[in-house]
Amino acid sequence: MAGRALRPVAAVTDTARRISDMNLDERLALTGPDDELHRLADTFDTMLDRLQRAFAT
């Protein structure tokens, strides 16, 4: 049961590790209920949008 509950956290962690200055176009794009984890992923995606724009300029 714990593994199932933590699966979204593992997915966020794996995606965040893949994203780098050479791969700023990938986003977490987490689906599911609007809970704390979803809001955290949305905030991370917004931060990546800002970083991508900064790198482009």
PDB file of N, CA and C in Angstrom:
ATOM      1  N   MET A   1       0.812  -1.188   0.000  1.00  0.00           N
ATOM      2  CA  MET A   1       0.000   0.000   0.000  1.00  0.00           C
ATOM      3  C   MET A   1       0.863   1.264   0.000  1.00  0.00           C
ATOM      4  N   ALA A   2       1.949   1.256   0.753  1.00  0.00           N
ATOM      5  CA  ALA A   2       2.839   2.420   0.794  1.00  0.00           C
ATOM      6  C   ALA A   2       3.453   2.681  -0.575  1.00  0.00           C
ATOM      7  N   GLY A   3       3.818   1.612  -1.274  1.00  0.00           N
ATOM      8  CA  GLY A   3       4.390   1.765  -2.609  1.00  0.00           C
ATOM      9  C   GLY A   3       3.422   2.420  -3.561  1.00  0.00           C
ATOM     10  N   ARG A   4       2.177   2.050  -3.462  1.00  0.00           N
ATOM     11  CA  ARG A   4       1.150   2.642  -4.327  1.00  0.00           C
ATOM     12  C   ARG A   4       0.955   4.118  -4.009  1.00  0.00           C
ATOM     13  N   ALA A   5       0.975   4.453  -2.735  1.00  0.00           N
ATOM     14  CA  ALA A   5       0.791   5.840  -2.321  1.00  0.00           C
ATOM     15  C   ALA A   5       1.968   6.717  -2.740  1.00  0.00           C
ATOM     16  N   LEU A   6       3.166   6.139  -2.772  1.00  0.00           N
ATOM     17  CA  LEU A   6       4.359   6.914  -3.116  1.00  0.00           C
ATOM     18  C   LEU A   6       4.696   6.904  -4.602  1.00  0.00           C
ATOM     19  N   ARG A   7       3.956   6.169  -5.403  1.00  0.00           N
ATOM     20  CA  ARG A   7       4.226   6.093  -6.838  1.00  0.00           C
ATOM     21  C   ARG A   7       4.271   7.471  -7.502  1.00  0.00           C
ATOM     22  N   PRO A   8       3.320   8.381  -7.215  1.00  0.00           N
ATOM     23  CA  PRO A   8       3.405   9.712  -7.827  1.00  0.00           C
ATOM     24  C   PRO A   8       4.665  10.469  -7.427  1.00  0.00           C
ATOM     25  N   VAL A   9       5.120  10.289  -6.204  1.00  0.00           N
ATOM     26  CA  VAL A   9       6.349  10.948  -5.760  1.00  0.00           C
ATOM     27  C   VAL A   9       7.532  10.416  -6.555  1.00  0.00           C
ATOM     28  N   ALA A  10       7.589   9.134  -6.783  1.00  0.00           N
ATOM     29  CA  ALA A  10       8.673   8.542  -7.572  1.00  0.00           C
ATOM     30  C   ALA A  10       8.635   9.048  -9.009  1.00  0.00           C
ATOM     31  N   ALA A  11       7.449   9.193  -9.578  1.00  0.00           N
ATOM     32  CA  ALA A  11       7.330   9.705 -10.949  1.00  0.00           C
ATOM     33  C   ALA A  11       7.827  11.142 -11.034  1.00  0.00           C
ATOM     34  N   VAL A  12       7.482  11.963 -10.062  1.00  0.00           N
ATOM     35  CA  VAL A  12       7.949  13.357 -10.029  1.00  0.00           C
ATOM     36  C   VAL A  12       9.467  13.389  -9.903  1.00  0.00           C
ATOM     37  N   THR A  13      10.013  12.574  -9.026  1.00  0.00           N
ATOM     38  CA  THR A  13      11.463  12.525  -8.821  1.00  0.00           C
ATOM     39  C   THR A  13      12.184  12.091 -10.089  1.00  0.00           C
ATOM     40  N   ASP A  14      11.703  11.052 -10.754  1.00  0.00           N
ATOM     41  CA  ASP A  14      12.336  10.561 -11.986  1.00  0.00           C
ATOM     42  C   ASP A  14      12.321  11.624 -13.076  1.00  0.00           C
ATOM     43  N   THR A  15      11.198  12.291 -13.244  1.00  0.00           N
ATOM     44  CA  THR A  15      11.100  13.329 -14.272  1.00  0.00           C
ATOM     45  C   THR A  15      12.007  14.501 -13.938  1.00  0.00           C
ATOM     46  N   ALA A  16      12.016  14.919 -12.689  1.00  0.00           N
ATOM     47  CA  ALA A  16      12.869  16.045 -12.286  1.00  0.00           C
ATOM     48  C   ALA A  16      14.339  15.737 -12.538  1.00  0.00           C
ATOM     49  N   ARG A  17      14.743  14.506 -12.345  1.00  0.00           N
ATOM     50  CA  ARG A  17      16.140  14.133 -12.597  1.00  0.00           C
ATOM     51  C   ARG A  17      16.491  14.173 -14.085  1.00  0.00           C
ATOM     52  N   ARG A  18      15.519  13.888 -14.944  1.00  0.00           N
ATOM     53  CA  ARG A  18      15.778  13.907 -16.391  1.00  0.00           C
ATOM     54  C   ARG A  18      15.884  15.320 -16.945  1.00  0.00           C
ATOM     55  N   ILE A  19      15.257  16.257 -16.277  1.00  0.00           N
ATOM     56  CA  ILE A  19      15.230  17.629 -16.772  1.00  0.00           C
ATOM     57  C   ILE A  19      16.567  18.291 -16.448  1.00  0.00           C
ATOM     58  N   SER A  20      17.143  18.946 -17.449  1.00  0.00           N
ATOM     59  CA  SER A  20      18.414  19.637 -17.269  1.00  0.00           C
ATOM     60  C   SER A  20      18.424  20.878 -18.143  1.00  0.00           C
ATOM     61  N   ASP A  21      19.527  21.575 -18.143  1.00  0.00           N
ATOM     62  CA  ASP A  21      19.616  22.769 -18.981  1.00  0.00           C
ATOM     63  C   ASP A  21      19.553  22.429 -20.470  1.00  0.00           C
ATOM     64  N   MET A  22      19.759  21.181 -20.819  1.00  0.00           N
ATOM     65  CA  MET A  22      19.670  20.755 -22.211  1.00  0.00           C
ATOM     66  C   MET A  22      18.299  20.149 -22.528  1.00  0.00           C
ATOM     67  N   ASN A  23      17.437  20.012 -21.527  1.00  0.00           N
ATOM     68  CA  ASN A  23      16.146  19.352 -21.710  1.00  0.00           C
ATOM     69  C   ASN A  23      15.067  20.090 -20.920  1.00  0.00           C
ATOM     70  N   LEU A  24      14.978  21.400 -21.122  1.00  0.00           N
ATOM     71  CA  LEU A  24      14.028  22.198 -20.348  1.00  0.00           C
ATOM     72  C   LEU A  24      12.616  22.169 -20.910  1.00  0.00           C
ATOM     73  N   ASP A  25      12.383  21.441 -21.972  1.00  0.00           N
ATOM     74  CA  ASP A  25      11.032  21.427 -22.538  1.00  0.00           C
ATOM     75  C   ASP A  25      10.158  20.323 -21.947  1.00  0.00           C
ATOM     76  N   GLU A  26      10.722  19.468 -21.119  1.00  0.00           N
ATOM     77  CA  GLU A  26       9.926  18.421 -20.473  1.00  0.00           C
ATOM     78  C   GLU A  26       9.270  18.991 -19.219  1.00  0.00           C
ATOM     79  N   ARG A  27       8.054  18.527 -18.950  1.00  0.00           N
ATOM     80  CA  ARG A  27       7.325  18.977 -17.767  1.00  0.00           C
ATOM     81  C   ARG A  27       6.813  17.769 -17.001  1.00  0.00           C
ATOM     82  N   LEU A  28       6.541  17.971 -15.730  1.00  0.00           N
ATOM     83  CA  LEU A  28       5.985  16.905 -14.908  1.00  0.00           C
ATOM     84  C   LEU A  28       4.577  16.573 -15.364  1.00  0.00           C
ATOM     85  N   ALA A  29       3.763  17.597 -15.620  1.00  0.00           N
ATOM     86  CA  ALA A  29       2.393  17.429 -16.118  1.00  0.00           C
ATOM     87  C   ALA A  29       1.651  16.336 -15.343  1.00  0.00           C
ATOM     88  N   LEU A  30       1.698  16.451 -14.037  1.00  0.00           N
ATOM     89  CA  LEU A  30       1.076  15.452 -13.173  1.00  0.00           C
ATOM     90  C   LEU A  30      -0.438  15.480 -13.331  1.00  0.00           C
ATOM     91  N   THR A  31      -1.030  14.322 -13.409  1.00  0.00           N
ATOM     92  CA  THR A  31      -2.482  14.206 -13.481  1.00  0.00           C
ATOM     93  C   THR A  31      -2.991  13.659 -12.159  1.00  0.00           C
ATOM     94  N   GLY A  32      -4.268  13.760 -11.955  1.00  0.00           N
ATOM     95  CA  GLY A  32      -4.855  13.227 -10.731  1.00  0.00           C
ATOM     96  C   GLY A  32      -5.523  14.308  -9.924  1.00  0.00           C
ATOM     97  N   PRO A  33      -5.813  13.992  -8.682  1.00  0.00           N
ATOM     98  CA  PRO A  33      -6.547  14.943  -7.842  1.00  0.00           C
ATOM     99  C   PRO A  33      -5.738  16.208  -7.556  1.00  0.00           C
ATOM    100  N   ASP A  34      -6.456  17.282  -7.308  1.00  0.00           N
ATOM    101  CA  ASP A  34      -5.815  18.562  -7.001  1.00  0.00           C
ATOM    102  C   ASP A  34      -5.426  18.578  -5.524  1.00  0.00           C
ATOM    103  N   ASP A  35      -4.332  17.890  -5.238  1.00  0.00           N
ATOM    104  CA  ASP A  35      -3.857  17.803  -3.863  1.00  0.00           C
ATOM    105  C   ASP A  35      -2.509  18.506  -3.743  1.00  0.00           C
ATOM    106  N   GLU A  36      -1.869  18.362  -2.614  1.00  0.00           N
ATOM    107  CA  GLU A  36      -0.592  19.036  -2.373  1.00  0.00           C
ATOM    108  C   GLU A  36       0.474  18.635  -3.383  1.00  0.00           C
ATOM    109  N   LEU A  37       0.533  17.361  -3.717  1.00  0.00           N
ATOM    110  CA  LEU A  37       1.532  16.885  -4.674  1.00  0.00           C
ATOM    111  C   LEU A  37       1.277  17.469  -6.062  1.00  0.00           C
ATOM    112  N   HIS A  38       0.022  17.533  -6.459  1.00  0.00           N
ATOM    113  CA  HIS A  38      -0.328  18.103  -7.765  1.00  0.00           C
ATOM    114  C   HIS A  38       0.042  19.578  -7.813  1.00  0.00           C
ATOM    115  N   ARG A  39      -0.238  20.307  -6.746  1.00  0.00           N
ATOM    116  CA  ARG A  39       0.105  21.732  -6.711  1.00  0.00           C
ATOM    117  C   ARG A  39       1.620  21.927  -6.714  1.00  0.00           C
ATOM    118  N   LEU A  40       2.354  21.048  -6.049  1.00  0.00           N
ATOM    119  CA  LEU A  40       3.816  21.124  -6.074  1.00  0.00           C
ATOM    120  C   LEU A  40       4.339  20.885  -7.495  1.00  0.00           C
ATOM    121  N   ALA A  41       3.800  19.889  -8.165  1.00  0.00           N
ATOM    122  CA  ALA A  41       4.223  19.604  -9.540  1.00  0.00           C
ATOM    123  C   ALA A  41       3.894  20.772 -10.465  1.00  0.00           C
ATOM    124  N   ASP A  42       2.725  21.379 -10.298  1.00  0.00           N
ATOM    125  CA  ASP A  42       2.362  22.548 -11.109  1.00  0.00           C
ATOM    126  C   ASP A  42       3.327  23.709 -10.860  1.00  0.00           C
ATOM    127  N   THR A  43       3.713  23.901  -9.610  1.00  0.00           N
ATOM    128  CA  THR A  43       4.669  24.959  -9.274  1.00  0.00           C
ATOM    129  C   THR A  43       6.018  24.674  -9.911  1.00  0.00           C
ATOM    130  N   PHE A  44       6.451  23.431  -9.887  1.00  0.00           N
ATOM    131  CA  PHE A  44       7.713  23.038 -10.511  1.00  0.00           C
ATOM    132  C   PHE A  44       7.657  23.285 -12.021  1.00  0.00           C
ATOM    133  N   ASP A  45       6.531  22.925 -12.655  1.00  0.00           N
ATOM    134  CA  ASP A  45       6.368  23.154 -14.091  1.00  0.00           C
ATOM    135  C   ASP A  45       6.421  24.646 -14.425  1.00  0.00           C
ATOM    136  N   THR A  46       5.812  25.479 -13.585  1.00  0.00           N
ATOM    137  CA  THR A  46       5.850  26.932 -13.795  1.00  0.00           C
ATOM    138  C   THR A  46       7.278  27.454 -13.681  1.00  0.00           C
ATOM    139  N   MET A  47       8.024  26.930 -12.718  1.00  0.00           N
ATOM    140  CA  MET A  47       9.419  27.316 -12.564  1.00  0.00           C
ATOM    141  C   MET A  47      10.222  26.927 -13.805  1.00  0.00           C
ATOM    142  N   LEU A  48       9.951  25.744 -14.347  1.00  0.00           N
ATOM    143  CA  LEU A  48      10.648  25.313 -15.561  1.00  0.00           C
ATOM    144  C   LEU A  48      10.305  26.200 -16.739  1.00  0.00           C
ATOM    145  N   ASP A  49       9.061  26.661 -16.822  1.00  0.00           N
ATOM    146  CA  ASP A  49       8.684  27.606 -17.885  1.00  0.00           C
ATOM    147  C   ASP A  49       9.543  28.866 -17.796  1.00  0.00           C
ATOM    148  N   ARG A  50       9.697  29.395 -16.593  1.00  0.00           N
ATOM    149  CA  ARG A  50      10.507  30.607 -16.410  1.00  0.00           C
ATOM    150  C   ARG A  50      11.973  30.340 -16.744  1.00  0.00           C
ATOM    151  N   LEU A  51      12.492  29.215 -16.318  1.00  0.00           N
ATOM    152  CA  LEU A  51      13.888  28.878 -16.638  1.00  0.00           C
ATOM    153  C   LEU A  51      14.105  28.719 -18.130  1.00  0.00           C
ATOM    154  N   GLN A  52      13.161  28.065 -18.795  1.00  0.00           N
ATOM    155  CA  GLN A  52      13.297  27.851 -20.225  1.00  0.00           C
ATOM    156  C   GLN A  52      13.311  29.191 -20.968  1.00  0.00           C
ATOM    157  N   ARG A  53      12.433  30.108 -20.560  1.00  0.00           N
ATOM    158  CA  ARG A  53      12.426  31.434 -21.186  1.00  0.00           C
ATOM    159  C   ARG A  53      13.734  32.175 -20.910  1.00  0.00           C
ATOM    160  N   ALA A  54      14.269  32.045 -19.696  1.00  0.00           N
ATOM    161  CA  ALA A  54      15.521  32.712 -19.360  1.00  0.00           C
ATOM    162  C   ALA A  54      16.686  32.155 -20.177  1.00  0.00           C
ATOM    163  N   PHE A  55      16.754  30.842 -20.335  1.00  0.00           N
ATOM    164  CA  PHE A  55      17.809  30.234 -21.140  1.00  0.00           C
ATOM    165  C   PHE A  55      17.691  30.635 -22.606  1.00  0.00           C
ATOM    166  N   ALA A  56      16.468  30.791 -23.076  1.00  0.00           N
ATOM    167  CA  ALA A  56      16.254  31.155 -24.484  1.00  0.00           C
ATOM    168  C   ALA A  56      16.742  32.580 -24.778  1.00  0.00           C
ATOM    169  N   THR A  57      16.657  33.444 -23.781  1.00  0.00           N
ATOM    170  CA  THR A  57      17.115  34.826 -23.986  1.00  0.00           C
ATOM    171  C   THR A  57      18.573  34.917 -23.653  1.00  0.00           C
TER     172      THR A  57
END
